[in-house]
C-alpha atoms as a PDB file:
ATOM      1  CA  VAL A   1      85.512 117.240 105.677  1.00  0.00           C
ATOM      2  CA  GLN A   2      88.545 117.460 104.152  1.00  0.00           C
ATOM      3  CA  LEU A   3      90.151 115.928 101.220  1.00  0.00           C
ATOM      4  CA  GLN A   4      93.855 116.169 100.545  1.00  0.00           C
ATOM      5  CA  ALA A   5      95.994 115.222  97.505  1.00  0.00           C
ATOM      6  CA  SER A   6      99.413 114.550  97.967  1.00  0.00           C
ATOM      7  CA  GLY A   7     102.456 112.870  96.106  1.00  0.00           C
ATOM      8  CA  GLY A   8     103.275 115.702  93.566  1.00  0.00           C
ATOM      9  CA  GLY A   9     106.634 117.284  92.747  1.00  0.00           C
ATOM     10  CA  SER A  10     109.344 118.660  90.291  1.00  0.00           C
ATOM     11  CA  VAL A  11     110.307 116.037  87.967  1.00  0.00           C
ATOM     12  CA  GLN A  12     111.849 115.308  84.432  1.00  0.00           C
ATOM     13  CA  ALA A  13     109.667 114.488  81.290  1.00  0.00           C
ATOM     14  CA  GLU A  14     109.300 110.869  80.803  1.00  0.00           C
ATOM     15  CA  SER A  15     109.340 110.502  84.777  1.00  0.00           C
ATOM     16  CA  SER A  16     106.442 108.967  86.742  1.00  0.00           C
ATOM     17  CA  LEU A  17     104.687 109.842  89.915  1.00  0.00           C
ATOM     18  CA  ARG A  18     101.619 108.328  92.078  1.00  0.00           C
ATOM     19  CA  LEU A  19      99.318 110.938  93.713  1.00  0.00           C
ATOM     20  CA  SER A  20      97.073 110.016  96.292  1.00  0.00           C
ATOM     21  CA  CYS A  21      93.928 111.330  97.704  1.00  0.00           C
ATOM     22  CA  THR A  22      93.066 110.841 101.024  1.00  0.00           C
ATOM     23  CA  ALA A  23      90.092 112.316 103.331  1.00  0.00           C
ATOM     24  CA  SER A  24      89.519 112.908 106.896  1.00  0.00           C
ATOM     25  CA  GLY A  25      85.652 113.250 108.340  1.00  0.00           C
ATOM     26  CA  LEU A  26      84.404 111.500 105.002  1.00  0.00           C
ATOM     27  CA  THR A  27      84.269 108.015 103.785  1.00  0.00           C
ATOM     28  CA  LEU A  28      85.268 107.838 100.318  1.00  0.00           C
ATOM     29  CA  ARG A  29      83.390 104.298  99.555  1.00  0.00           C
ATOM     30  CA  PRO A  30      80.084 105.775  98.689  1.00  0.00           C
ATOM     31  CA  TYR A  31      81.410 108.280  95.954  1.00  0.00           C
ATOM     32  CA  HIS A  32      82.568 108.273  92.553  1.00  0.00           C
ATOM     33  CA  MET A  33      85.883 109.872  92.624  1.00  0.00           C
ATOM     34  CA  GLY A  34      87.523 111.906  89.949  1.00  0.00           C
ATOM     35  CA  TRP A  35      90.764 113.851  89.516  1.00  0.00           C
ATOM     36  CA  PHE A  36      91.306 117.374  87.940  1.00  0.00           C
ATOM     37  CA  ARG A  37      94.045 119.616  87.246  1.00  0.00           C
ATOM     38  CA  GLN A  38      94.493 123.372  86.751  1.00  0.00           C
ATOM     39  CA  ALA A  39      97.467 124.682  84.788  1.00  0.00           C
ATOM     40  CA  PRO A  40      98.478 128.238  85.276  1.00  0.00           C
ATOM     41  CA  GLY A  41      96.124 130.769  83.614  1.00  0.00           C
ATOM     42  CA  GLN A  42      93.649 127.961  82.440  1.00  0.00           C
ATOM     43  CA  GLU A  43      90.351 126.589  83.707  1.00  0.00           C
ATOM     44  CA  ARG A  44      90.377 123.384  85.832  1.00  0.00           C
ATOM     45  CA  GLU A  45      90.362 120.334  83.874  1.00  0.00           C
ATOM     46  CA  PHE A  46      88.949 116.936  84.433  1.00  0.00           C
ATOM     47  CA  VAL A  47      91.295 114.223  83.981  1.00  0.00           C
ATOM     48  CA  ALA A  48      90.043 110.729  85.166  1.00  0.00           C
ATOM     49  CA  ALA A  49      87.235 109.126  87.003  1.00  0.00           C
ATOM     50  CA  ILE A  50      86.604 106.116  89.054  1.00  0.00           C
ATOM     51  CA  ASN A  51      83.218 104.310  90.022  1.00  0.00           C
ATOM     52  CA  ARG A  52      82.614 103.365  93.757  1.00  0.00           C
ATOM     53  CA  SER A  53      83.693 100.046  93.551  1.00  0.00           C
ATOM     54  CA  GLY A  54      86.787 100.865  91.626  1.00  0.00           C
ATOM     55  CA  GLY A  55      85.730 100.090  88.242  1.00  0.00           C
ATOM     56  CA  ALA A  56      84.701 101.584  84.912  1.00  0.00           C
ATOM     57  CA  PRO A  57      87.866 104.186  84.821  1.00  0.00           C
ATOM     58  CA  TYR A  58      87.329 106.990  82.400  1.00  0.00           C
ATOM     59  CA  TYR A  59      90.210 109.355  81.061  1.00  0.00           C
ATOM     60  CA  ILE A  60      90.660 112.076  78.730  1.00  0.00           C
ATOM     61  CA  ASP A  61      92.003 111.467  75.843  1.00  0.00           C
ATOM     62  CA  SER A  62      95.282 113.315  76.659  1.00  0.00           C
ATOM     63  CA  VAL A  63      95.978 111.017  79.354  1.00  0.00           C
ATOM     64  CA  LYS A  64      94.935 107.801  78.125  1.00  0.00           C
ATOM     65  CA  GLY A  65      97.731 104.947  78.219  1.00  0.00           C
ATOM     66  CA  ARG A  66      99.649 107.240  80.785  1.00  0.00           C
ATOM     67  CA  PHE A  67      97.375 107.783  83.862  1.00  0.00           C
ATOM     68  CA  THR A  68      95.822 105.210  85.960  1.00  0.00           C
ATOM     69  CA  ILE A  69      93.146 105.763  88.057  1.00  0.00           C
ATOM     70  CA  SER A  70      92.595 103.454  91.190  1.00  0.00           C
ATOM     71  CA  ARG A  71      91.286 103.498  94.771  1.00  0.00           C
ATOM     72  CA  ASP A  72      91.598 101.037  97.992  1.00  0.00           C
ATOM     73  CA  ASN A  73      88.481 101.748  99.646  1.00  0.00           C
ATOM     74  CA  ALA A  74      89.815 100.049 102.661  1.00  0.00           C
ATOM     75  CA  LYS A  75      92.281 102.515 103.084  1.00  0.00           C
ATOM     76  CA  ASN A  76      90.022 105.327 102.082  1.00  0.00           C
ATOM     77  CA  THR A  77      92.468 106.479  99.319  1.00  0.00           C
ATOM     78  CA  VAL A  78      92.294 107.248  95.533  1.00  0.00           C
ATOM     79  CA  TYR A  79      95.438 107.218  93.462  1.00  0.00           C
ATOM     80  CA  LEU A  80      96.596 108.335  90.037  1.00  0.00           C
ATOM     81  CA  GLN A  81      99.385 106.763  88.576  1.00  0.00           C
ATOM     82  CA  ILE A  82     101.092 109.223  86.106  1.00  0.00           C
ATOM     83  CA  ASN A  83     103.737 107.967  83.947  1.00  0.00           C
ATOM     84  CA  SER A  84     105.655 109.393  80.980  1.00  0.00           C
ATOM     85  CA  LEU A  85     105.085 112.743  82.115  1.00  0.00           C
ATOM     86  CA  LYS A  86     104.992 115.519  79.591  1.00  0.00           C
ATOM     87  CA  ALA A  87     105.360 119.416  80.239  1.00  0.00           C
ATOM     88  CA  GLU A  88     101.974 119.880  79.489  1.00  0.00           C
ATOM     89  CA  ASP A  89     101.090 117.938  82.267  1.00  0.00           C
ATOM     90  CA  THR A  90     102.267 120.541  84.480  1.00  0.00           C
ATOM     91  CA  ALA A  91      99.484 121.637  86.821  1.00  0.00           C
ATOM     92  CA  VAL A  92      97.756 121.361  90.443  1.00  0.00           C
ATOM     93  CA  TYR A  93      96.146 118.323  90.618  1.00  0.00           C
ATOM     94  CA  TYR A  94      93.022 118.002  92.409  1.00  0.00           C
ATOM     95  CA  CYS A  95      90.898 115.011  93.736  1.00  0.00           C
ATOM     96  CA  GLN A  96      86.938 115.300  93.860  1.00  0.00           C
ATOM     97  CA  ALA A  97      84.436 113.034  95.708  1.00  0.00           C
ATOM     98  CA  GLY A  98      80.814 113.129  94.620  1.00  0.00           C
ATOM     99  CA  PRO A  99      78.222 114.387  93.943  1.00  0.00           C
ATOM    100  CA  ASP A 100      76.383 113.152  97.127  1.00  0.00           C
ATOM    101  CA  PHE A 101      72.401 112.622  97.438  1.00  0.00           C
ATOM    102  CA  TYR A 102      72.176 116.497  97.605  1.00  0.00           C
ATOM    103  CA  GLY A 103      74.643 117.230  94.853  1.00  0.00           C
ATOM    104  CA  LYS A 104      77.488 118.190  96.722  1.00  0.00           C
ATOM    105  CA  ASN A 105      80.973 117.581  95.543  1.00  0.00           C
ATOM    106  CA  TYR A 106      83.739 117.410  97.886  1.00  0.00           C
ATOM    107  CA  TRP A 107      87.165 118.910  96.673  1.00  0.00           C
ATOM    108  CA  GLY A 108      90.414 118.209  97.985  1.00  0.00           C
ATOM    109  CA  LYS A 109      93.610 120.676  98.488  1.00  0.00           C
ATOM    110  CA  GLY A 110      95.673 120.207  95.666  1.00  0.00           C
ATOM    111  CA  THR A 111      99.244 119.064  94.862  1.00  0.00           C
ATOM    112  CA  GLN A 112     101.437 120.619  92.405  1.00  0.00           C
ATOM    113  CA  VAL A 113     102.951 118.673  89.319  1.00  0.00           C
ATOM    114  CA  THR A 114     105.631 120.260  87.546  1.00  0.00           C
ATOM    115  CA  VAL A 115     107.521 118.584  84.811  1.00  0.00           C
ATOM    116  CA  SER A 116     110.509 119.877  83.184  1.00  0.00           C
ATOM    117  CA  SER A 117     111.509 118.784  79.365  1.00  0.00           C
END
């Protein structure tokens, strides 16, 4: 089972990126999905979540109005649209699926987002 985040890059402030999270060996449809990020020297931070059917998106206050989480279960993919990027958004972004019936969460390899002002 492997999740993989992609779509990161080095961009200027106020730019946009769309991150994608795909899975191999795991169907994402049954899982609530989340995006997290970890800035250098800091703890991993929850950013956004979406339920199994693509509803009830939830965001932390610092990204509301700029980030949009969505999913396409037919493509087994979850997205994070990031607009109006700020330097403080610089981090490695990770996607998470779960928890499953046994309480296990699945994590993907992250994608680096670097924002220069």
